[in-house]
Amino acid sequence: MSKVGRPQIKYKCLIAVLPASLILIALILFAAKSKAATTHPSSPSINIRPELQEIQSFNTDLLRGVFIVADPKIIDPNFSRTVVLLIHHEKKGSTGLIINRPTPVSLSEKFPIIKEHLTASDRIFSGGPVLPKTLTMLFQSKSPPSGRIPVLGNTYVTREMDLLADLPMATILERRFRIYSGYAGWEPGQLQAEIIRGDWRVLRTGADLLFEENTDRIWEEMIGRSRERSVQNNSPMLWGHIAVPEMRLDTEAGLTMRVSE
């Protein structure tokens, strides 16, 4: 074999070996990446700051029955000038019902079983933009229904519409119940982030406005209560039943979490 042909043979051998080497390198890199992912799992879609992690770790019952009131700056049509009663909160997320948005749908059309006790002004309410065909009922009862946990005082929540026929007559006649289509929902950490950003004012108050006939005044009244009870800077703030220090974030923008008792 001539000396001229030897480099060609070396090049051919190198080309033959290259694919195997690249595959080996790729396997090594893939194994290293998999190990890193196991050791350091990827962050959730929402970056929860350390201050929020403490709030998120609270007992899930702490936010049950708390109202969140939309800040005047919110222009999202889904939540502008709304008041939401939180009915569920845990690490997996939060859900609530908007209490001040009646729909054009007549309650008697959907539930003829109690039609004789209703008027044309009795409406189904829009509980939020999530699953609008899902119905949820809030009702008050002096005697606790079997297996029901109150969401606020003697107010209970259920998605079992059959229970409507068993409501005390006083509850129906005094309009101490409402049915909502859909609900408001937040992913883990999302609601906390919105509160810190100043989108919502957290308010613990009674159920006196829960079944208010004049729904137009509910937001105005609640926003007024939140202003009256707003906590001064450097004072302890209450989240649920636990006192936590006031948390200031993005101080240059002047954003603080506001919680009113």
C-alpha atoms as a PDB file:
ATOM      1  CA  MET A   1       0.000   0.000   0.000  1.00  0.00           C
ATOM      2  CA  SER A   2       1.372   3.425  -0.914  1.00  0.00           C
ATOM      3  CA  LYS A   3       2.157   6.057   1.695  1.00  0.00           C
ATOM      4  CA  VAL A   4      -0.316   8.375  -0.027  1.00  0.00           C
ATOM      5  CA  GLY A   5      -3.200   6.027   0.876  1.00  0.00           C
ATOM      6  CA  ARG A   6      -2.376   5.777   4.567  1.00  0.00           C
ATOM      7  CA  PRO A   7      -3.830   9.193   5.589  1.00  0.00           C
ATOM      8  CA  GLN A   8      -7.018   8.302   3.762  1.00  0.00           C
ATOM      9  CA  ILE A   9      -7.295   5.085   5.822  1.00  0.00           C
ATOM     10  CA  LYS A  10      -6.711   7.064   9.042  1.00  0.00           C
ATOM     11  CA  TYR A  11      -9.426   9.554   8.083  1.00  0.00           C
ATOM     12  CA  LYS A  12     -11.826   6.708   7.314  1.00  0.00           C
ATOM     13  CA  CYS A  13     -11.116   5.109  10.718  1.00  0.00           C
ATOM     14  CA  LEU A  14     -11.616   8.448  12.461  1.00  0.00           C
ATOM     15  CA  ILE A  15     -14.944   8.998  10.686  1.00  0.00           C
ATOM     16  CA  ALA A  16     -16.064   5.507  11.664  1.00  0.00           C
ATOM     17  CA  VAL A  17     -15.167   6.082  15.314  1.00  0.00           C
ATOM     18  CA  LEU A  18     -16.696   9.582  15.567  1.00  0.00           C
ATOM     19  CA  PRO A  19     -20.394   8.565  15.658  1.00  0.00           C
ATOM     20  CA  ALA A  20     -19.780   6.113  18.476  1.00  0.00           C
ATOM     21  CA  SER A  21     -17.854   8.753  20.429  1.00  0.00           C
ATOM     22  CA  LEU A  22     -20.616  11.311  19.972  1.00  0.00           C
ATOM     23  CA  ILE A  23     -23.237   8.834  21.156  1.00  0.00           C
ATOM     24  CA  LEU A  24     -21.118   8.061  24.233  1.00  0.00           C
ATOM     25  CA  ILE A  25     -20.715  11.757  25.023  1.00  0.00           C
ATOM     26  CA  ALA A  26     -24.451  12.318  24.561  1.00  0.00           C
ATOM     27  CA  LEU A  27     -25.248   9.483  26.962  1.00  0.00           C
ATOM     28  CA  ILE A  28     -22.858  10.896  29.584  1.00  0.00           C
ATOM     29  CA  LEU A  29     -24.410  14.368  29.282  1.00  0.00           C
ATOM     30  CA  PHE A  30     -27.946  12.941  29.486  1.00  0.00           C
ATOM     31  CA  ALA A  31     -27.074  10.960  32.632  1.00  0.00           C
ATOM     32  CA  ALA A  32     -25.544  14.032  34.246  1.00  0.00           C
ATOM     33  CA  LYS A  33     -28.600  16.144  33.399  1.00  0.00           C
ATOM     34  CA  SER A  34     -30.969  13.510  34.798  1.00  0.00           C
ATOM     35  CA  LYS A  35     -28.995  13.357  38.037  1.00  0.00           C
ATOM     36  CA  ALA A  36     -29.053  17.139  38.347  1.00  0.00           C
ATOM     37  CA  ALA A  37     -32.802  17.212  37.759  1.00  0.00           C
ATOM     38  CA  THR A  38     -33.315  14.645  40.502  1.00  0.00           C
ATOM     39  CA  THR A  39     -31.087  16.508  42.934  1.00  0.00           C
ATOM     40  CA  HIS A  40     -32.457  19.948  42.035  1.00  0.00           C
ATOM     41  CA  PRO A  41     -36.030  19.625  40.740  1.00  0.00           C
ATOM     42  CA  SER A  42     -37.247  22.353  38.461  1.00  0.00           C
ATOM     43  CA  SER A  43     -38.959  25.349  40.035  1.00  0.00           C
ATOM     44  CA  PRO A  44     -42.747  25.691  39.837  1.00  0.00           C
ATOM     45  CA  SER A  45     -44.283  27.881  37.175  1.00  0.00           C
ATOM     46  CA  ILE A  46     -44.773  30.675  39.714  1.00  0.00           C
ATOM     47  CA  ASN A  47     -41.742  31.846  41.665  1.00  0.00           C
ATOM     48  CA  ILE A  48     -42.796  31.816  45.303  1.00  0.00           C
ATOM     49  CA  ARG A  49     -40.614  34.158  47.296  1.00  0.00           C
ATOM     50  CA  PRO A  50     -39.433  33.091  50.770  1.00  0.00           C
ATOM     51  CA  GLU A  51     -41.972  35.440  52.370  1.00  0.00           C
ATOM     52  CA  LEU A  52     -44.789  33.690  50.488  1.00  0.00           C
ATOM     53  CA  GLN A  53     -43.584  30.227  51.380  1.00  0.00           C
ATOM     54  CA  GLU A  54     -44.328  30.922  55.036  1.00  0.00           C
ATOM     55  CA  ILE A  55     -47.882  32.019  54.203  1.00  0.00           C
ATOM     56  CA  GLN A  56     -48.414  29.048  51.890  1.00  0.00           C
ATOM     57  CA  SER A  57     -47.380  26.615  54.626  1.00  0.00           C
ATOM     58  CA  PHE A  58     -50.136  27.732  57.036  1.00  0.00           C
ATOM     59  CA  ASN A  59     -52.917  25.374  58.084  1.00  0.00           C
ATOM     60  CA  THR A  60     -55.357  25.002  55.183  1.00  0.00           C
ATOM     61  CA  ASP A  61     -58.309  25.970  57.394  1.00  0.00           C
ATOM     62  CA  LEU A  62     -56.884  29.406  58.133  1.00  0.00           C
ATOM     63  CA  LEU A  63     -58.187  30.986  54.966  1.00  0.00           C
ATOM     64  CA  ARG A  64     -61.538  29.245  54.904  1.00  0.00           C
ATOM     65  CA  GLY A  65     -64.240  31.883  55.271  1.00  0.00           C
ATOM     66  CA  VAL A  66     -61.976  34.851  54.581  1.00  0.00           C
ATOM     67  CA  PHE A  67     -63.060  37.490  52.062  1.00  0.00           C
ATOM     68  CA  ILE A  68     -60.750  38.931  49.453  1.00  0.00           C
ATOM     69  CA  VAL A  69     -61.801  42.273  48.008  1.00  0.00           C
ATOM     70  CA  ALA A  70     -60.608  43.369  44.580  1.00  0.00           C
ATOM     71  CA  ASP A  71     -58.429  46.462  44.746  1.00  0.00           C
ATOM     72  CA  PRO A  72     -59.814  49.418  42.747  1.00  0.00           C
ATOM     73  CA  LYS A  73     -56.856  49.169  40.361  1.00  0.00           C
ATOM     74  CA  ILE A  74     -57.985  45.756  39.024  1.00  0.00           C
ATOM     75  CA  ILE A  75     -59.414  46.139  35.500  1.00  0.00           C
ATOM     76  CA  ASP A  76     -59.701  42.444  34.632  1.00  0.00           C
ATOM     77  CA  PRO A  77     -63.432  42.074  33.792  1.00  0.00           C
ATOM     78  CA  ASN A  78     -63.499  38.708  35.571  1.00  0.00           C
ATOM     79  CA  PHE A  79     -62.634  40.277  38.925  1.00  0.00           C
ATOM     80  CA  SER A  80     -63.070  44.052  38.745  1.00  0.00           C
ATOM     81  CA  ARG A  81     -65.039  45.310  41.785  1.00  0.00           C
ATOM     82  CA  THR A  82     -65.634  41.789  43.081  1.00  0.00           C
ATOM     83  CA  VAL A  83     -65.743  40.309  46.562  1.00  0.00           C
ATOM     84  CA  VAL A  84     -64.721  36.651  46.854  1.00  0.00           C
ATOM     85  CA  LEU A  85     -65.429  34.320  49.743  1.00  0.00           C
ATOM     86  CA  LEU A  86     -62.625  31.783  49.991  1.00  0.00           C
ATOM     87  CA  ILE A  87     -64.070  28.323  50.536  1.00  0.00           C
ATOM     88  CA  HIS A  88     -60.944  26.229  50.056  1.00  0.00           C
ATOM     89  CA  HIS A  89     -57.227  26.867  50.474  1.00  0.00           C
ATOM     90  CA  GLU A  90     -54.307  24.462  50.566  1.00  0.00           C
ATOM     91  CA  LYS A  91     -50.904  23.927  49.006  1.00  0.00           C
ATOM     92  CA  LYS A  92     -52.538  22.664  45.810  1.00  0.00           C
ATOM     93  CA  GLY A  93     -54.319  25.970  45.307  1.00  0.00           C
ATOM     94  CA  SER A  94     -57.304  28.056  46.366  1.00  0.00           C
ATOM     95  CA  THR A  95     -60.950  28.344  45.352  1.00  0.00           C
ATOM     96  CA  GLY A  96     -63.644  30.847  46.164  1.00  0.00           C
ATOM     97  CA  LEU A  97     -67.017  32.259  45.134  1.00  0.00           C
ATOM     98  CA  ILE A  98     -67.665  35.762  43.855  1.00  0.00           C
ATOM     99  CA  ILE A  99     -70.609  36.883  45.982  1.00  0.00           C
ATOM    100  CA  ASN A 100     -71.725  40.081  44.224  1.00  0.00           C
ATOM    101  CA  ARG A 101     -72.412  39.134  40.597  1.00  0.00           C
ATOM    102  CA  PRO A 102     -75.992  38.046  39.835  1.00  0.00           C
ATOM    103  CA  THR A 103     -76.653  36.620  36.370  1.00  0.00           C
ATOM    104  CA  PRO A 104     -79.776  37.064  34.202  1.00  0.00           C
ATOM    105  CA  VAL A 105     -80.669  33.409  34.831  1.00  0.00           C
ATOM    106  CA  SER A 106     -83.759  33.014  37.001  1.00  0.00           C
ATOM    107  CA  LEU A 107     -83.420  30.671  39.959  1.00  0.00           C
ATOM    108  CA  SER A 108     -86.959  29.378  39.485  1.00  0.00           C
ATOM    109  CA  GLU A 109     -86.153  28.255  35.930  1.00  0.00           C
ATOM    110  CA  LYS A 110     -83.363  26.006  37.151  1.00  0.00           C
ATOM    111  CA  PHE A 111     -85.024  24.809  40.345  1.00  0.00           C
ATOM    112  CA  PRO A 112     -88.803  24.562  39.903  1.00  0.00           C
ATOM    113  CA  ILE A 113     -88.971  22.484  43.091  1.00  0.00           C
ATOM    114  CA  ILE A 114     -88.917  25.716  45.125  1.00  0.00           C
ATOM    115  CA  LYS A 115     -90.469  27.931  42.452  1.00  0.00           C
ATOM    116  CA  GLU A 116     -93.525  28.790  44.549  1.00  0.00           C
ATOM    117  CA  HIS A 117     -91.279  30.404  47.154  1.00  0.00           C
ATOM    118  CA  LEU A 118     -89.254  32.459  44.669  1.00  0.00           C
ATOM    119  CA  THR A 119     -89.743  35.698  42.783  1.00  0.00           C
ATOM    120  CA  ALA A 120     -88.555  36.857  39.370  1.00  0.00           C
ATOM    121  CA  SER A 121     -85.734  38.796  41.034  1.00  0.00           C
ATOM    122  CA  ASP A 122     -84.157  35.641  42.506  1.00  0.00           C
ATOM    123  CA  ARG A 123     -81.145  34.884  40.330  1.00  0.00           C
ATOM    124  CA  ILE A 124     -78.292  32.466  39.983  1.00  0.00           C
ATOM    125  CA  PHE A 125     -74.997  34.180  40.729  1.00  0.00           C
ATOM    126  CA  SER A 126     -71.736  33.942  38.817  1.00  0.00           C
ATOM    127  CA  GLY A 127     -69.240  32.421  41.229  1.00  0.00           C
ATOM    128  CA  GLY A 128     -66.281  32.854  38.896  1.00  0.00           C
ATOM    129  CA  PRO A 129     -64.865  32.054  35.466  1.00  0.00           C
ATOM    130  CA  VAL A 130     -63.817  28.454  36.215  1.00  0.00           C
ATOM    131  CA  LEU A 131     -66.199  25.648  35.123  1.00  0.00           C
ATOM    132  CA  PRO A 132     -69.293  27.865  34.700  1.00  0.00           C
ATOM    133  CA  LYS A 133     -71.593  24.822  34.469  1.00  0.00           C
ATOM    134  CA  THR A 134     -70.591  23.691  37.954  1.00  0.00           C
ATOM    135  CA  LEU A 135     -73.148  24.760  40.564  1.00  0.00           C
ATOM    136  CA  THR A 136     -72.299  25.537  44.191  1.00  0.00           C
ATOM    137  CA  MET A 137     -74.707  26.490  46.948  1.00  0.00           C
ATOM    138  CA  LEU A 138     -74.100  28.608  50.034  1.00  0.00           C
ATOM    139  CA  PHE A 139     -76.765  28.427  52.724  1.00  0.00           C
ATOM    140  CA  GLN A 140     -77.268  29.245  56.358  1.00  0.00           C
ATOM    141  CA  SER A 141     -78.679  26.873  58.920  1.00  0.00           C
ATOM    142  CA  LYS A 142     -78.980  27.187  62.707  1.00  0.00           C
ATOM    143  CA  SER A 143     -78.692  23.433  63.099  1.00  0.00           C
ATOM    144  CA  PRO A 144     -75.525  22.031  61.461  1.00  0.00           C
ATOM    145  CA  PRO A 145     -76.371  19.673  58.583  1.00  0.00           C
ATOM    146  CA  SER A 146     -74.950  16.186  58.957  1.00  0.00           C
ATOM    147  CA  GLY A 147     -71.372  15.937  57.757  1.00  0.00           C
ATOM    148  CA  ARG A 148     -71.153  19.608  56.760  1.00  0.00           C
ATOM    149  CA  ILE A 149     -68.352  21.915  57.863  1.00  0.00           C
ATOM    150  CA  PRO A 150     -69.244  25.616  58.111  1.00  0.00           C
ATOM    151  CA  VAL A 151     -67.334  27.932  55.825  1.00  0.00           C
ATOM    152  CA  LEU A 152     -68.239  31.057  57.810  1.00  0.00           C
ATOM    153  CA  GLY A 153     -70.257  31.101  61.020  1.00  0.00           C
ATOM    154  CA  ASN A 154     -73.416  29.102  60.373  1.00  0.00           C
ATOM    155  CA  THR A 155     -72.949  29.303  56.587  1.00  0.00           C
ATOM    156  CA  TYR A 156     -72.283  26.073  54.725  1.00  0.00           C
ATOM    157  CA  VAL A 157     -71.195  25.198  51.205  1.00  0.00           C
ATOM    158  CA  THR A 158     -72.200  22.246  49.029  1.00  0.00           C
ATOM    159  CA  ARG A 159     -72.329  21.142  45.405  1.00  0.00           C
ATOM    160  CA  GLU A 160     -75.123  18.685  46.080  1.00  0.00           C
ATOM    161  CA  MET A 161     -78.117  20.480  44.620  1.00  0.00           C
ATOM    162  CA  ASP A 162     -80.455  17.786  45.934  1.00  0.00           C
ATOM    163  CA  LEU A 163     -79.935  19.379  49.344  1.00  0.00           C
ATOM    164  CA  LEU A 164     -81.971  22.363  48.149  1.00  0.00           C
ATOM    165  CA  ALA A 165     -85.208  20.446  48.735  1.00  0.00           C
ATOM    166  CA  ASP A 166     -84.180  19.804  52.358  1.00  0.00           C
ATOM    167  CA  LEU A 167     -83.346  23.395  53.271  1.00  0.00           C
ATOM    168  CA  PRO A 168     -85.292  24.803  56.225  1.00  0.00           C
ATOM    169  CA  MET A 169     -88.256  26.842  55.002  1.00  0.00           C
ATOM    170  CA  ALA A 170     -86.967  29.848  56.958  1.00  0.00           C
ATOM    171  CA  THR A 171     -83.713  29.711  54.987  1.00  0.00           C
ATOM    172  CA  ILE A 172     -85.628  29.841  51.690  1.00  0.00           C
ATOM    173  CA  LEU A 173     -88.156  32.481  52.699  1.00  0.00           C
ATOM    174  CA  GLU A 174     -85.500  34.734  54.244  1.00  0.00           C
ATOM    175  CA  ARG A 175     -83.247  34.218  51.206  1.00  0.00           C
ATOM    176  CA  ARG A 176     -80.391  32.881  53.332  1.00  0.00           C
ATOM    177  CA  PHE A 177     -79.059  30.823  50.454  1.00  0.00           C
ATOM    178  CA  ARG A 178     -77.548  31.415  47.015  1.00  0.00           C
ATOM    179  CA  ILE A 179     -76.528  29.256  44.096  1.00  0.00           C
ATOM    180  CA  TYR A 180     -73.464  30.075  42.031  1.00  0.00           C
ATOM    181  CA  SER A 181     -72.388  28.921  38.591  1.00  0.00           C
ATOM    182  CA  GLY A 182     -68.648  28.453  38.299  1.00  0.00           C
ATOM    183  CA  TYR A 183     -66.043  29.509  40.802  1.00  0.00           C
ATOM    184  CA  ALA A 184     -62.772  31.408  41.115  1.00  0.00           C
ATOM    185  CA  GLY A 185     -59.584  29.353  41.276  1.00  0.00           C
ATOM    186  CA  TRP A 186     -55.883  29.944  41.805  1.00  0.00           C
ATOM    187  CA  GLU A 187     -52.871  27.698  41.285  1.00  0.00           C
ATOM    188  CA  PRO A 188     -50.409  27.072  44.152  1.00  0.00           C
ATOM    189  CA  GLY A 189     -48.893  30.362  45.236  1.00  0.00           C
ATOM    190  CA  GLN A 190     -50.837  32.398  42.675  1.00  0.00           C
ATOM    191  CA  LEU A 191     -53.280  33.983  45.106  1.00  0.00           C
ATOM    192  CA  GLN A 192     -50.533  34.792  47.602  1.00  0.00           C
ATOM    193  CA  ALA A 193     -48.533  36.462  44.848  1.00  0.00           C
ATOM    194  CA  GLU A 194     -51.564  38.544  43.802  1.00  0.00           C
ATOM    195  CA  ILE A 195     -52.142  39.617  47.406  1.00  0.00           C
ATOM    196  CA  ILE A 196     -48.520  40.654  47.837  1.00  0.00           C
ATOM    197  CA  ARG A 197     -48.767  42.569  44.556  1.00  0.00           C
ATOM    198  CA  GLY A 198     -51.700  44.496  45.990  1.00  0.00           C
ATOM    199  CA  ASP A 199     -54.462  43.099  43.753  1.00  0.00           C
ATOM    200  CA  TRP A 200     -56.562  41.911  46.692  1.00  0.00           C
ATOM    201  CA  ARG A 201     -57.355  43.123  50.175  1.00  0.00           C
ATOM    202  CA  VAL A 202     -57.828  40.325  52.677  1.00  0.00           C
ATOM    203  CA  LEU A 203     -60.700  40.910  55.069  1.00  0.00           C
ATOM    204  CA  ARG A 204     -62.056  38.872  57.939  1.00  0.00           C
ATOM    205  CA  THR A 205     -65.591  39.938  58.669  1.00  0.00           C
ATOM    206  CA  GLY A 206     -69.034  38.518  59.317  1.00  0.00           C
ATOM    207  CA  ALA A 207     -71.553  37.051  56.911  1.00  0.00           C
ATOM    208  CA  ASP A 208     -73.907  40.033  57.065  1.00  0.00           C
ATOM    209  CA  LEU A 209     -73.308  40.969  53.408  1.00  0.00           C
ATOM    210  CA  LEU A 210     -73.173  37.423  52.084  1.00  0.00           C
ATOM    211  CA  PHE A 211     -76.839  37.417  51.062  1.00  0.00           C
ATOM    212  CA  GLU A 212     -77.281  41.164  50.621  1.00  0.00           C
ATOM    213  CA  GLU A 213     -80.074  41.907  48.140  1.00  0.00           C
ATOM    214  CA  ASN A 214     -78.474  45.116  46.902  1.00  0.00           C
ATOM    215  CA  THR A 215     -75.394  43.504  45.390  1.00  0.00           C
ATOM    216  CA  ASP A 216     -74.140  46.833  44.035  1.00  0.00           C
ATOM    217  CA  ARG A 217     -73.222  47.995  47.540  1.00  0.00           C
ATOM    218  CA  ILE A 218     -71.295  44.873  48.593  1.00  0.00           C
ATOM    219  CA  TRP A 219     -67.954  45.848  47.019  1.00  0.00           C
ATOM    220  CA  GLU A 220     -68.250  49.474  48.163  1.00  0.00           C
ATOM    221  CA  GLU A 221     -68.972  48.372  51.720  1.00  0.00           C
ATOM    222  CA  MET A 222     -66.198  45.785  51.804  1.00  0.00           C
ATOM    223  CA  ILE A 223     -63.591  48.112  50.322  1.00  0.00           C
ATOM    224  CA  GLY A 224     -64.621  50.687  52.932  1.00  0.00           C
ATOM    225  CA  ARG A 225     -64.179  48.154  55.742  1.00  0.00           C
ATOM    226  CA  SER A 226     -60.749  47.205  54.470  1.00  0.00           C
ATOM    227  CA  ARG A 227     -59.701  50.853  54.498  1.00  0.00           C
ATOM    228  CA  GLU A 228     -61.053  51.441  57.986  1.00  0.00           C
ATOM    229  CA  ARG A 229     -59.317  48.381  59.386  1.00  0.00           C
ATOM    230  CA  SER A 230     -56.101  48.619  57.419  1.00  0.00           C
ATOM    231  CA  VAL A 231     -53.095  48.039  59.651  1.00  0.00           C
ATOM    232  CA  GLN A 232     -50.525  50.798  60.013  1.00  0.00           C
ATOM    233  CA  ASN A 233     -46.947  50.172  58.867  1.00  0.00           C
ATOM    234  CA  ASN A 234     -44.775  48.116  61.234  1.00  0.00           C
ATOM    235  CA  SER A 235     -47.829  46.768  63.066  1.00  0.00           C
ATOM    236  CA  PRO A 236     -48.566  43.037  63.306  1.00  0.00           C
ATOM    237  CA  MET A 237     -50.814  41.754  60.558  1.00  0.00           C
ATOM    238  CA  LEU A 238     -53.237  38.876  60.849  1.00  0.00           C
ATOM    239  CA  TRP A 239     -53.474  36.105  58.308  1.00  0.00           C
ATOM    240  CA  GLY A 240     -56.240  33.734  59.293  1.00  0.00           C
ATOM    241  CA  HIS A 241     -55.781  33.267  63.036  1.00  0.00           C
ATOM    242  CA  ILE A 242     -51.997  33.637  63.161  1.00  0.00           C
ATOM    243  CA  ALA A 243     -50.183  36.938  63.630  1.00  0.00           C
ATOM    244  CA  VAL A 244     -47.277  37.413  61.257  1.00  0.00           C
ATOM    245  CA  PRO A 245     -45.048  40.441  60.777  1.00  0.00           C
ATOM    246  CA  GLU A 246     -45.946  42.905  58.070  1.00  0.00           C
ATOM    247  CA  MET A 247     -44.205  41.947  54.836  1.00  0.00           C
ATOM    248  CA  ARG A 248     -42.950  44.558  52.423  1.00  0.00           C
ATOM    249  CA  LEU A 249     -41.933  43.591  48.912  1.00  0.00           C
ATOM    250  CA  ASP A 250     -40.718  45.752  46.041  1.00  0.00           C
ATOM    251  CA  THR A 251     -40.432  48.674  48.425  1.00  0.00           C
ATOM    252  CA  GLU A 252     -39.366  51.000  45.654  1.00  0.00           C
ATOM    253  CA  ALA A 253     -42.785  50.503  44.096  1.00  0.00           C
ATOM    254  CA  GLY A 254     -44.443  50.823  47.489  1.00  0.00           C
ATOM    255  CA  LEU A 255     -46.233  47.461  47.316  1.00  0.00           C
ATOM    256  CA  THR A 256     -47.271  45.846  50.596  1.00  0.00           C
ATOM    257  CA  MET A 257     -49.580  43.032  51.564  1.00  0.00           C
ATOM    258  CA  ARG A 258     -52.636  44.413  53.292  1.00  0.00           C
ATOM    259  CA  VAL A 259     -54.635  42.256  55.650  1.00  0.00           C
ATOM    260  CA  SER A 260     -57.542  43.671  57.626  1.00  0.00           C
ATOM    261  CA  GLU A 261     -59.082  42.009  60.611  1.00  0.00           C
END
